[in-house]
Protein backbone atom coordinates (compact mmCIF):
# COMPACT_ATOMS: atom_id res chain seq x y z
CA UNK A 1 0.10 -0.05 -0.07
CA UNK A 2 2.84 2.41 0.77
CA UNK A 3 5.09 1.18 -2.08
CA UNK A 4 6.49 3.91 -4.32
CA UNK A 5 5.08 2.36 -7.43
CA UNK A 6 1.65 2.06 -5.98
CA UNK A 7 1.64 5.58 -4.58
CA UNK A 8 2.84 7.09 -7.88
CA UNK A 9 0.21 5.12 -9.89
CA UNK A 10 -2.42 6.28 -7.51
CA UNK A 11 -1.43 9.85 -8.12
CA UNK A 12 -2.18 9.43 -11.80
CA UNK A 13 -5.74 8.09 -11.12
CA UNK A 14 -6.38 10.78 -8.40
CA UNK A 15 -5.08 13.39 -10.76
CA UNK A 16 -8.05 12.46 -13.14
CA UNK A 17 -10.54 13.03 -10.42
CA UNK A 18 -11.16 9.31 -9.89
CA UNK A 19 -11.82 7.80 -6.53
CA UNK A 20 -8.82 5.81 -5.40
CA UNK A 21 -8.66 2.82 -3.08
CA UNK A 22 -5.21 1.34 -1.90
CA UNK A 23 -5.12 -1.55 0.60
CA UNK A 24 -2.85 -4.10 2.01
CA UNK A 25 -3.52 -7.86 1.33
CA UNK A 26 -4.20 -10.10 4.14
CA UNK A 27 -1.30 -10.62 6.53
CA UNK A 28 0.48 -7.57 5.17
CA UNK A 29 1.27 -4.55 7.31
CA UNK A 30 -1.36 -4.12 9.84
CA UNK A 31 -3.93 -6.14 8.15
CA UNK A 32 -5.23 -9.27 9.68
CA UNK A 33 -5.24 -12.88 8.34
CA UNK A 34 -2.67 -15.01 6.70
CA UNK A 35 -1.01 -14.50 3.38
CA UNK A 36 -1.19 -17.56 1.22
CA UNK A 37 -0.92 -16.43 -2.43
CA UNK A 38 -4.34 -17.70 -3.33
CA UNK A 39 -7.01 -16.11 -0.98
CA UNK A 40 -5.80 -12.64 -1.81
CA UNK A 41 -7.95 -12.66 -5.01
CA UNK A 42 -10.75 -12.34 -2.47
CA UNK A 43 -9.04 -9.33 -1.04
CA UNK A 44 -9.24 -7.61 -4.49
CA UNK A 45 -12.88 -8.69 -4.88
CA UNK A 46 -13.79 -7.12 -1.53
CA UNK A 47 -12.10 -3.84 -2.41
CA UNK A 48 -14.02 -3.87 -5.77
CA UNK A 49 -17.22 -4.43 -4.02
CA UNK A 50 -16.57 -1.53 -1.60
CA UNK A 51 -15.81 0.82 -4.50
CA UNK A 52 -18.96 -0.15 -6.32
CA UNK A 53 -21.07 0.46 -3.05
CA UNK A 54 -19.30 3.57 -2.21
CA UNK A 55 -19.15 5.31 -5.51
CA UNK A 56 -21.35 3.39 -7.93
CA UNK A 57 -19.04 4.00 -10.84
CA UNK A 58 -17.35 1.93 -13.52
CA UNK A 59 -13.91 0.65 -12.35
CA UNK A 60 -10.52 0.78 -13.97
CA UNK A 61 -8.33 -1.20 -11.75
CA UNK A 62 -4.54 -1.38 -11.34
CA UNK A 63 -2.18 -3.49 -9.38
CA UNK A 64 1.70 -3.69 -8.98
CA UNK A 65 3.58 -6.86 -8.96
CA UNK A 66 1.69 -9.57 -6.76
CA UNK A 67 -1.10 -7.04 -6.71
CA UNK A 68 -1.20 -7.06 -10.57
CA UNK A 69 -1.43 -10.96 -10.66
CA UNK A 70 -4.25 -11.01 -7.94
CA UNK A 71 -5.91 -8.02 -9.47
CA UNK A 72 -5.99 -9.45 -13.05
CA UNK A 73 -7.29 -12.78 -11.68
CA UNK A 74 -10.07 -11.22 -9.73
CA UNK A 75 -10.96 -8.67 -12.43
CA UNK A 76 -11.02 -10.81 -15.52
CA UNK A 77 -14.36 -12.57 -14.54
CA UNK A 78 -15.82 -9.35 -13.52
CA UNK A 79 -18.32 -7.65 -16.01
CA UNK A 80 -18.23 -4.47 -14.11
CA UNK A 81 -14.43 -3.73 -14.87
CA UNK A 82 -13.65 -1.33 -17.74
CA UNK A 83 -10.00 -1.81 -17.74
CA UNK A 84 -6.79 -3.01 -15.81
CA UNK A 85 -3.24 -1.59 -15.71
CA UNK A 86 -0.79 -4.48 -14.53
CA UNK A 87 2.38 -2.70 -13.35
CA UNK A 88 5.34 -4.87 -12.99
CA UNK A 89 3.38 -8.15 -13.57
CA UNK A 90 5.68 -11.05 -12.41
CA UNK A 91 6.49 -13.81 -14.96
CA UNK A 92 9.46 -15.37 -13.10
CA UNK A 93 10.22 -15.04 -9.35
CA UNK A 94 11.78 -17.18 -6.55
CA UNK A 95 12.63 -19.78 -9.15
CA UNK A 96 9.17 -20.12 -10.57
CA UNK A 97 7.59 -19.03 -13.79
CA UNK A 98 4.12 -17.56 -13.67
CA UNK A 99 1.48 -18.11 -16.28
CA UNK A 100 -1.77 -16.34 -16.89
CA UNK A 101 -4.06 -18.60 -18.97
CA UNK A 102 -7.20 -16.69 -17.89
CA UNK A 103 -6.03 -13.71 -19.82
CA UNK A 104 -7.02 -15.56 -23.03
CA UNK A 105 -10.71 -14.70 -22.15
CA UNK A 106 -10.07 -11.42 -20.43
CA UNK A 107 -11.83 -8.95 -22.85
CA UNK A 108 -11.50 -5.52 -21.24
CA UNK A 109 -8.64 -3.20 -22.16
CA UNK A 110 -5.32 -4.12 -20.42
CA UNK A 111 -2.07 -2.33 -19.97
CA UNK A 112 1.06 -4.33 -19.12
CA UNK A 113 3.60 -1.76 -17.96
CA UNK A 114 7.03 -2.95 -16.93
CA UNK A 115 10.75 -1.94 -17.04
CA UNK A 116 12.77 -3.48 -19.66
CA UNK A 117 15.14 -4.60 -16.89
CA UNK A 118 12.53 -5.93 -14.57
CA UNK A 119 14.14 -8.84 -12.67
CA UNK A 120 10.76 -10.48 -12.14
CA UNK A 121 9.54 -10.27 -15.69
CA UNK A 122 12.20 -10.88 -18.39
CA UNK A 123 10.93 -9.08 -21.45
CA UNK A 124 10.66 -12.24 -23.59
CA UNK A 125 8.39 -13.93 -20.93
CA UNK A 126 6.36 -10.86 -20.54
CA UNK A 127 5.70 -10.59 -24.24
CA UNK A 128 4.72 -14.19 -24.36
CA UNK A 129 2.07 -13.45 -21.69
CA UNK A 130 0.83 -10.34 -23.44
CA UNK A 131 0.79 -12.12 -26.80
CA UNK A 132 -1.49 -14.92 -25.26
CA UNK A 133 -3.80 -12.31 -23.73
CA UNK A 134 -7.20 -11.29 -25.40
CA UNK A 135 -7.41 -8.04 -27.13
CA UNK A 136 -7.52 -5.10 -26.42
CA UNK A 137 -4.17 -5.08 -24.84
CA UNK A 138 -0.96 -2.98 -24.78
CA UNK A 139 2.66 -3.57 -23.68
CA UNK A 140 4.53 -0.53 -22.53
CA UNK A 141 8.23 -0.99 -21.63
CA UNK A 142 10.24 1.71 -19.70
CA UNK A 143 13.70 1.82 -21.00
CA UNK A 144 16.30 1.20 -18.15
CA UNK A 145 13.67 0.60 -15.54
CA UNK A 146 13.85 -2.37 -12.99
CA UNK A 147 10.95 -3.98 -11.36
CA UNK A 148 10.40 -0.91 -9.04
CA UNK A 149 10.75 1.57 -11.71
CA UNK A 150 13.74 3.07 -9.75
CA UNK A 151 14.68 6.46 -11.11
CA UNK A 152 11.87 5.98 -13.65
CA UNK A 153 8.71 6.55 -11.67
CA UNK A 154 7.81 9.75 -13.76
CA UNK A 155 8.17 7.73 -17.08
CA UNK A 156 5.96 5.05 -15.48
CA UNK A 157 3.37 7.70 -14.52
CA UNK A 158 3.49 9.19 -17.98
CA UNK A 159 3.00 5.75 -19.70
CA UNK A 160 0.09 4.94 -17.46
CA UNK A 161 -1.54 8.46 -17.97
CA UNK A 162 -1.22 8.16 -21.86
CA UNK A 163 -2.79 4.72 -21.86
CA UNK A 164 -5.75 6.12 -19.60
CA UNK A 165 -6.25 9.03 -21.92
CA UNK A 166 -6.08 6.97 -25.02
CA UNK A 167 -8.20 4.19 -23.67
CA UNK A 168 -10.92 6.20 -21.70
CA UNK A 169 -10.96 9.57 -23.32
CA UNK A 170 -14.30 10.70 -22.15
CA UNK A 171 -13.98 9.41 -18.65
CA UNK A 172 -12.29 12.16 -16.71
CA UNK A 173 -13.68 14.23 -13.69
CA UNK A 174 -15.14 13.08 -10.37
CA UNK A 175 -18.69 12.65 -11.97
CA UNK A 176 -17.41 10.28 -14.77
CA UNK A 177 -14.28 8.68 -13.31
CA UNK A 178 -13.58 5.22 -12.25
CA UNK A 179 -12.03 3.84 -9.03
CA UNK A 180 -8.62 2.21 -8.63
């Protein structure tokens, strides 16, 4: 929740006048529960439900790293999601490769935004994930950026903002915006 990537992405959404929700997954920070790498999809769904009840607006969601993986999984079957920005989606971490077969049927617009030096998403593996995902989709690589976009947070924000403007051109302002 207090990660620099999450914070800077949140500023892009907030700058559009959209409501924003940041949260910790179970067992992280001061949150209760036990982190197990599977049930966290329910944490995302609970956040989506809260946004719907609180604001009643369409949702464009985003997630960083593990949050991108859990967020995509939670959102792909959700008809109320207008789009998703996956920042630093991991494809290889802790000696394991991660696949995302459910993206084949995920029809809303998707941004895959990563550094071209992301230690948890080698470019070739990330391209393979993106190629297998349903359209519409976009892959944006930030030159020289690692997984945490160190020294490249402004470039990450710019790429995210460009995608949002191109994909949702008539959705700005508090009355029309979506939640994060």
